[in-house]
């Protein structure tokens, strides 16, 4: 049986495995943090935007109550 290999820019030859399986000796490290960020990027952006909008809204309410209290103290 003839071996099939992938020719790429990498300095090593990677054997072509059936059904797209990865070689046990793959030199590419899996970075868990990058994988997590890539998978949940849209959700994290949505949560961050909602948090920022909520904090701005609460800050506005707090400033309104401060102004209202100052107005009540100094008629």
PDB file of N, CA and C in Angstrom:
ATOM      1  N   UNK A   1       0.835  -1.176   0.000  1.00  0.00           N
ATOM      2  CA  UNK A   1       0.000   0.000   0.000  1.00  0.00           C
ATOM      3  C   UNK A   1       0.883   1.243   0.000  1.00  0.00           C
ATOM      4  N   UNK A   2       0.500   2.206  -0.772  1.00  0.00           N
ATOM      5  CA  UNK A   2       1.293   3.427  -0.919  1.00  0.00           C
ATOM      6  C   UNK A   2       0.910   4.447   0.150  1.00  0.00           C
ATOM      7  N   UNK A   3       1.920   5.094   0.754  1.00  0.00           N
ATOM      8  CA  UNK A   3       1.671   6.114   1.763  1.00  0.00           C
ATOM      9  C   UNK A   3       1.367   7.430   1.075  1.00  0.00           C
ATOM     10  N   UNK A   4       0.353   8.125   1.572  1.00  0.00           N
ATOM     11  CA  UNK A   4       0.030   9.444   1.049  1.00  0.00           C
ATOM     12  C   UNK A   4       0.485  10.471   2.070  1.00  0.00           C
ATOM     13  N   UNK A   5       1.100  11.546   1.614  1.00  0.00           N
ATOM     14  CA  UNK A   5       1.598  12.582   2.510  1.00  0.00           C
ATOM     15  C   UNK A   5       1.106  13.939   2.056  1.00  0.00           C
ATOM     16  N   UNK A   6       0.996  14.850   3.011  1.00  0.00           N
ATOM     17  CA  UNK A   6       0.617  16.217   2.725  1.00  0.00           C
ATOM     18  C   UNK A   6       1.890  17.047   2.614  1.00  0.00           C
ATOM     19  N   UNK A   7       2.011  17.769   1.544  1.00  0.00           N
ATOM     20  CA  UNK A   7       3.157  18.651   1.382  1.00  0.00           C
ATOM     21  C   UNK A   7       2.694  20.051   1.745  1.00  0.00           C
ATOM     22  N   UNK A   8       3.382  20.665   2.692  1.00  0.00           N
ATOM     23  CA  UNK A   8       2.996  22.001   3.127  1.00  0.00           C
ATOM     24  C   UNK A   8       4.251  22.811   3.427  1.00  0.00           C
ATOM     25  N   UNK A   9       4.033  24.028   3.954  1.00  0.00           N
ATOM     26  CA  UNK A   9       5.149  24.896   4.273  1.00  0.00           C
ATOM     27  C   UNK A   9       5.849  24.491   5.563  1.00  0.00           C
ATOM     28  N   UNK A  10       5.269  23.585   6.287  1.00  0.00           N
ATOM     29  CA  UNK A  10       5.857  23.159   7.552  1.00  0.00           C
ATOM     30  C   UNK A  10       7.131  22.350   7.292  1.00  0.00           C
ATOM     31  N   UNK A  11       8.048  22.367   8.267  1.00  0.00           N
ATOM     32  CA  UNK A  11       9.316  21.659   8.057  1.00  0.00           C
ATOM     33  C   UNK A  11       9.229  20.147   8.219  1.00  0.00           C
ATOM     34  N   UNK A  12       8.063  19.608   8.488  1.00  0.00           N
ATOM     35  CA  UNK A  12       7.921  18.161   8.636  1.00  0.00           C
ATOM     36  C   UNK A  12       6.829  17.656   7.698  1.00  0.00           C
ATOM     37  N   UNK A  13       6.822  16.379   7.466  1.00  0.00           N
ATOM     38  CA  UNK A  13       5.835  15.753   6.590  1.00  0.00           C
ATOM     39  C   UNK A  13       4.765  15.128   7.470  1.00  0.00           C
ATOM     40  N   UNK A  14       3.521  15.425   7.176  1.00  0.00           N
ATOM     41  CA  UNK A  14       2.414  14.868   7.947  1.00  0.00           C
ATOM     42  C   UNK A  14       1.710  13.825   7.100  1.00  0.00           C
ATOM     43  N   UNK A  15       1.525  12.643   7.674  1.00  0.00           N
ATOM     44  CA  UNK A  15       0.867  11.575   6.933  1.00  0.00           C
ATOM     45  C   UNK A  15      -0.621  11.866   6.814  1.00  0.00           C
ATOM     46  N   UNK A  16      -1.180  11.527   5.686  1.00  0.00           N
ATOM     47  CA  UNK A  16      -2.607  11.718   5.438  1.00  0.00           C
ATOM     48  C   UNK A  16      -3.359  10.530   6.017  1.00  0.00           C
ATOM     49  N   UNK A  17      -4.247  10.794   6.963  1.00  0.00           N
ATOM     50  CA  UNK A  17      -4.991   9.735   7.618  1.00  0.00           C
ATOM     51  C   UNK A  17      -6.401   9.659   7.037  1.00  0.00           C
ATOM     52  N   UNK A  18      -6.999   8.478   7.005  1.00  0.00           N
ATOM     53  CA  UNK A  18      -8.347   8.348   6.458  1.00  0.00           C
ATOM     54  C   UNK A  18      -9.380   9.042   7.350  1.00  0.00           C
ATOM     55  N   UNK A  19     -10.468   9.494   6.754  1.00  0.00           N
ATOM     56  CA  UNK A  19     -11.601  10.111   7.427  1.00  0.00           C
ATOM     57  C   UNK A  19     -11.239  11.384   8.183  1.00  0.00           C
ATOM     58  N   UNK A  20     -10.157  12.032   7.819  1.00  0.00           N
ATOM     59  CA  UNK A  20      -9.786  13.298   8.434  1.00  0.00           C
ATOM     60  C   UNK A  20      -9.286  13.174   9.859  1.00  0.00           C
ATOM     61  N   UNK A  21      -8.858  12.010  10.281  1.00  0.00           N
ATOM     62  CA  UNK A  21      -8.354  11.826  11.636  1.00  0.00           C
ATOM     63  C   UNK A  21      -7.018  12.542  11.794  1.00  0.00           C
ATOM     64  N   UNK A  22      -6.782  13.029  12.988  1.00  0.00           N
ATOM     65  CA  UNK A  22      -5.514  13.712  13.252  1.00  0.00           C
ATOM     66  C   UNK A  22      -4.478  12.708  13.712  1.00  0.00           C
ATOM     67  N   UNK A  23      -3.270  12.966  13.362  1.00  0.00           N
ATOM     68  CA  UNK A  23      -2.173  12.105  13.766  1.00  0.00           C
ATOM     69  C   UNK A  23      -1.944  12.240  15.265  1.00  0.00           C
ATOM     70  N   UNK A  24      -1.536  11.160  15.897  1.00  0.00           N
ATOM     71  CA  UNK A  24      -1.230  11.176  17.324  1.00  0.00           C
ATOM     72  C   UNK A  24      -0.026  12.067  17.580  1.00  0.00           C
ATOM     73  N   UNK A  25       0.869  12.138  16.613  1.00  0.00           N
ATOM     74  CA  UNK A  25       2.105  12.885  16.763  1.00  0.00           C
ATOM     75  C   UNK A  25       1.998  14.283  16.145  1.00  0.00           C
ATOM     76  N   UNK A  26       0.823  14.863  16.160  1.00  0.00           N
ATOM     77  CA  UNK A  26       0.643  16.194  15.608  1.00  0.00           C
ATOM     78  C   UNK A  26       1.445  17.195  16.432  1.00  0.00           C
ATOM     79  N   UNK A  27       2.132  18.087  15.762  1.00  0.00           N
ATOM     80  CA  UNK A  27       2.982  19.037  16.464  1.00  0.00           C
ATOM     81  C   UNK A  27       2.251  20.323  16.812  1.00  0.00           C
ATOM     82  N   UNK A  28       1.012  20.433  16.408  1.00  0.00           N
ATOM     83  CA  UNK A  28       0.240  21.627  16.716  1.00  0.00           C
ATOM     84  C   UNK A  28      -0.385  21.465  18.097  1.00  0.00           C
ATOM     85  N   UNK A  29      -0.114  22.424  18.986  1.00  0.00           N
ATOM     86  CA  UNK A  29      -0.671  22.364  20.332  1.00  0.00           C
ATOM     87  C   UNK A  29      -2.075  22.951  20.311  1.00  0.00           C
ATOM     88  N   UNK A  30      -2.961  22.346  21.064  1.00  0.00           N
ATOM     89  CA  UNK A  30      -4.315  22.857  21.194  1.00  0.00           C
ATOM     90  C   UNK A  30      -4.315  23.909  22.302  1.00  0.00           C
ATOM     91  N   UNK A  31      -4.679  25.121  21.963  1.00  0.00           N
ATOM     92  CA  UNK A  31      -4.777  26.170  22.952  1.00  0.00           C
ATOM     93  C   UNK A  31      -6.233  26.279  23.388  1.00  0.00           C
ATOM     94  N   UNK A  32      -6.507  25.887  24.624  1.00  0.00           N
ATOM     95  CA  UNK A  32      -7.870  25.804  25.121  1.00  0.00           C
ATOM     96  C   UNK A  32      -8.497  27.186  25.206  1.00  0.00           C
ATOM     97  N   UNK A  33      -7.736  28.180  25.657  1.00  0.00           N
ATOM     98  CA  UNK A  33      -8.289  29.523  25.811  1.00  0.00           C
ATOM     99  C   UNK A  33      -8.700  30.120  24.463  1.00  0.00           C
ATOM    100  N   UNK A  34      -7.855  29.981  23.447  1.00  0.00           N
ATOM    101  CA  UNK A  34      -8.189  30.501  22.120  1.00  0.00           C
ATOM    102  C   UNK A  34      -9.403  29.784  21.546  1.00  0.00           C
ATOM    103  N   UNK A  35      -9.495  28.491  21.765  1.00  0.00           N
ATOM    104  CA  UNK A  35     -10.633  27.722  21.278  1.00  0.00           C
ATOM    105  C   UNK A  35     -11.916  28.174  21.966  1.00  0.00           C
ATOM    106  N   UNK A  36     -11.846  28.392  23.274  1.00  0.00           N
ATOM    107  CA  UNK A  36     -13.006  28.865  24.028  1.00  0.00           C
ATOM    108  C   UNK A  36     -13.435  30.243  23.553  1.00  0.00           C
ATOM    109  N   UNK A  37     -12.477  31.159  23.371  1.00  0.00           N
ATOM    110  CA  UNK A  37     -12.809  32.510  22.922  1.00  0.00           C
ATOM    111  C   UNK A  37     -13.405  32.507  21.525  1.00  0.00           C
ATOM    112  N   UNK A  38     -12.873  31.692  20.641  1.00  0.00           N
ATOM    113  CA  UNK A  38     -13.387  31.628  19.275  1.00  0.00           C
ATOM    114  C   UNK A  38     -14.813  31.067  19.257  1.00  0.00           C
ATOM    115  N   UNK A  39     -15.091  30.091  20.100  1.00  0.00           N
ATOM    116  CA  UNK A  39     -16.390  29.446  20.100  1.00  0.00           C
ATOM    117  C   UNK A  39     -17.480  30.347  20.679  1.00  0.00           C
ATOM    118  N   UNK A  40     -17.171  31.081  21.749  1.00  0.00           N
ATOM    119  CA  UNK A  40     -18.184  31.859  22.448  1.00  0.00           C
ATOM    120  C   UNK A  40     -18.008  33.368  22.280  1.00  0.00           C
ATOM    121  N   UNK A  41     -17.347  33.813  21.208  1.00  0.00           N
ATOM    122  CA  UNK A  41     -17.065  35.232  21.000  1.00  0.00           C
ATOM    123  C   UNK A  41     -18.333  36.073  20.908  1.00  0.00           C
ATOM    124  N   UNK A  42     -19.320  35.638  20.142  1.00  0.00           N
ATOM    125  CA  UNK A  42     -20.544  36.421  19.978  1.00  0.00           C
ATOM    126  C   UNK A  42     -21.312  36.529  21.294  1.00  0.00           C
ATOM    127  N   UNK A  43     -21.400  35.466  22.016  1.00  0.00           N
ATOM    128  CA  UNK A  43     -22.094  35.488  23.299  1.00  0.00           C
ATOM    129  C   UNK A  43     -21.411  36.387  24.308  1.00  0.00           C
ATOM    130  N   UNK A  44     -20.089  36.332  24.355  1.00  0.00           N
ATOM    131  CA  UNK A  44     -19.353  37.186  25.282  1.00  0.00           C
ATOM    132  C   UNK A  44     -19.486  38.654  24.902  1.00  0.00           C
ATOM    133  N   UNK A  45     -19.487  38.961  23.608  1.00  0.00           N
ATOM    134  CA  UNK A  45     -19.687  40.338  23.164  1.00  0.00           C
ATOM    135  C   UNK A  45     -21.069  40.842  23.564  1.00  0.00           C
ATOM    136  N   UNK A  46     -22.073  40.002  23.418  1.00  0.00           N
ATOM    137  CA  UNK A  46     -23.435  40.378  23.790  1.00  0.00           C
ATOM    138  C   UNK A  46     -23.537  40.649  25.288  1.00  0.00           C
ATOM    139  N   UNK A  47     -22.934  39.788  26.105  1.00  0.00           N
ATOM    140  CA  UNK A  47     -22.973  39.974  27.557  1.00  0.00           C
ATOM    141  C   UNK A  47     -22.215  41.242  27.951  1.00  0.00           C
ATOM    142  N   UNK A  48     -21.083  41.487  27.324  1.00  0.00           N
ATOM    143  CA  UNK A  48     -20.308  42.689  27.629  1.00  0.00           C
ATOM    144  C   UNK A  48     -21.081  43.953  27.259  1.00  0.00           C
ATOM    145  N   UNK A  49     -21.729  43.965  26.103  1.00  0.00           N
ATOM    146  CA  UNK A  49     -22.518  45.129  25.688  1.00  0.00           C
ATOM    147  C   UNK A  49     -23.707  45.334  26.623  1.00  0.00           C
ATOM    148  N   UNK A  50     -24.397  44.270  26.991  1.00  0.00           N
ATOM    149  CA  UNK A  50     -25.534  44.391  27.901  1.00  0.00           C
ATOM    150  C   UNK A  50     -25.088  44.897  29.272  1.00  0.00           C
ATOM    151  N   UNK A  51     -23.946  44.429  29.740  1.00  0.00           N
ATOM    152  CA  UNK A  51     -23.424  44.891  31.023  1.00  0.00           C
ATOM    153  C   UNK A  51     -23.082  46.372  30.973  1.00  0.00           C
ATOM    154  N   UNK A  52     -22.445  46.827  29.889  1.00  0.00           N
ATOM    155  CA  UNK A  52     -22.088  48.232  29.755  1.00  0.00           C
ATOM    156  C   UNK A  52     -23.334  49.114  29.711  1.00  0.00           C
ATOM    157  N   UNK A  53     -24.349  48.702  28.963  1.00  0.00           N
ATOM    158  CA  UNK A  53     -25.587  49.484  28.875  1.00  0.00           C
ATOM    159  C   UNK A  53     -26.289  49.530  30.220  1.00  0.00           C
ATOM    160  N   UNK A  54     -26.330  48.412  30.921  1.00  0.00           N
ATOM    161  CA  UNK A  54     -26.969  48.369  32.238  1.00  0.00           C
ATOM    162  C   UNK A  54     -26.243  49.264  33.229  1.00  0.00           C
ATOM    163  N   UNK A  55     -24.907  49.225  33.215  1.00  0.00           N
ATOM    164  CA  UNK A  55     -24.144  50.078  34.130  1.00  0.00           C
ATOM    165  C   UNK A  55     -24.366  51.558  33.830  1.00  0.00           C
ATOM    166  N   UNK A  56     -24.431  51.926  32.555  1.00  0.00           N
ATOM    167  CA  UNK A  56     -24.707  53.322  32.209  1.00  0.00           C
ATOM    168  C   UNK A  56     -26.102  53.734  32.675  1.00  0.00           C
ATOM    169  N   UNK A  57     -27.077  52.868  32.511  1.00  0.00           N
ATOM    170  CA  UNK A  57     -28.436  53.149  32.949  1.00  0.00           C
ATOM    171  C   UNK A  57     -28.489  53.340  34.468  1.00  0.00           C
ATOM    172  N   UNK A  58     -27.851  52.447  35.214  1.00  0.00           N
ATOM    173  CA  UNK A  58     -27.841  52.559  36.673  1.00  0.00           C
ATOM    174  C   UNK A  58     -27.083  53.799  37.140  1.00  0.00           C
ATOM    175  N   UNK A  59     -26.021  54.158  36.442  1.00  0.00           N
ATOM    176  CA  UNK A  59     -25.284  55.381  36.775  1.00  0.00           C
ATOM    177  C   UNK A  59     -26.162  56.613  36.556  1.00  0.00           C
ATOM    178  N   UNK A  60     -26.936  56.612  35.496  1.00  0.00           N
ATOM    179  CA  UNK A  60     -27.854  57.719  35.235  1.00  0.00           C
ATOM    180  C   UNK A  60     -28.913  57.846  36.314  1.00  0.00           C
ATOM    181  N   UNK A  61     -29.471  56.730  36.738  1.00  0.00           N
ATOM    182  CA  UNK A  61     -30.471  56.754  37.809  1.00  0.00           C
ATOM    183  C   UNK A  61     -29.850  57.268  39.101  1.00  0.00           C
ATOM    184  N   UNK A  62     -28.643  56.796  39.401  1.00  0.00           N
ATOM    185  CA  UNK A  62     -27.947  57.228  40.616  1.00  0.00           C
ATOM    186  C   UNK A  62     -27.681  58.734  40.570  1.00  0.00           C
ATOM    187  N   UNK A  63     -27.225  59.253  39.442  1.00  0.00           N
ATOM    188  CA  UNK A  63     -26.970  60.692  39.314  1.00  0.00           C
ATOM    189  C   UNK A  63     -28.272  61.479  39.452  1.00  0.00           C
ATOM    190  N   UNK A  64     -29.363  60.977  38.902  1.00  0.00           N
ATOM    191  CA  UNK A  64     -30.658  61.642  39.030  1.00  0.00           C
ATOM    192  C   UNK A  64     -31.079  61.729  40.497  1.00  0.00           C
ATOM    193  N   UNK A  65     -30.926  60.638  41.247  1.00  0.00           N
ATOM    194  CA  UNK A  65     -31.298  60.663  42.652  1.00  0.00           C
ATOM    195  C   UNK A  65     -30.397  61.589  43.463  1.00  0.00           C
ATOM    196  N   UNK A  66     -29.130  61.669  43.130  1.00  0.00           N
ATOM    197  CA  UNK A  66     -28.221  62.603  43.811  1.00  0.00           C
ATOM    198  C   UNK A  66     -28.680  64.038  43.564  1.00  0.00           C
ATOM    199  N   UNK A  67     -28.987  64.362  42.312  1.00  0.00           N
ATOM    200  CA  UNK A  67     -29.469  65.714  41.993  1.00  0.00           C
ATOM    201  C   UNK A  67     -30.796  65.993  42.679  1.00  0.00           C
ATOM    202  N   UNK A  68     -31.678  65.032  42.734  1.00  0.00           N
ATOM    203  CA  UNK A  68     -32.962  65.201  43.386  1.00  0.00           C
ATOM    204  C   UNK A  68     -32.789  65.431  44.883  1.00  0.00           C
ATOM    205  N   UNK A  69     -31.860  64.711  45.490  1.00  0.00           N
ATOM    206  CA  UNK A  69     -31.597  64.888  46.935  1.00  0.00           C
ATOM    207  C   UNK A  69     -31.000  66.265  47.188  1.00  0.00           C
ATOM    208  N   UNK A  70     -30.095  66.727  46.349  1.00  0.00           N
ATOM    209  CA  UNK A  70     -29.522  68.059  46.532  1.00  0.00           C
ATOM    210  C   UNK A  70     -30.575  69.141  46.350  1.00  0.00           C
ATOM    211  N   UNK A  71     -31.496  68.948  45.425  1.00  0.00           N
ATOM    212  CA  UNK A  71     -32.569  69.913  45.210  1.00  0.00           C
ATOM    213  C   UNK A  71     -33.520  69.958  46.415  1.00  0.00           C
ATOM    214  N   UNK A  72     -33.765  68.811  47.033  1.00  0.00           N
ATOM    215  CA  UNK A  72     -34.660  68.742  48.190  1.00  0.00           C
ATOM    216  C   UNK A  72     -34.019  69.381  49.412  1.00  0.00           C
ATOM    217  N   UNK A  73     -32.710  69.283  49.552  1.00  0.00           N
ATOM    218  CA  UNK A  73     -32.014  69.848  50.707  1.00  0.00           C
ATOM    219  C   UNK A  73     -31.909  71.361  50.569  1.00  0.00           C
ATOM    220  N   UNK A  74     -31.682  71.892  49.362  1.00  0.00           N
ATOM    221  CA  UNK A  74     -31.507  73.327  49.116  1.00  0.00           C
ATOM    222  C   UNK A  74     -32.656  73.869  48.261  1.00  0.00           C
ATOM    223  N   UNK A  75     -33.819  74.129  48.877  1.00  0.00           N
ATOM    224  CA  UNK A  75     -34.950  74.606  48.072  1.00  0.00           C
ATOM    225  C   UNK A  75     -34.808  76.032  47.613  1.00  0.00           C
TER     226      UNK A  75
END
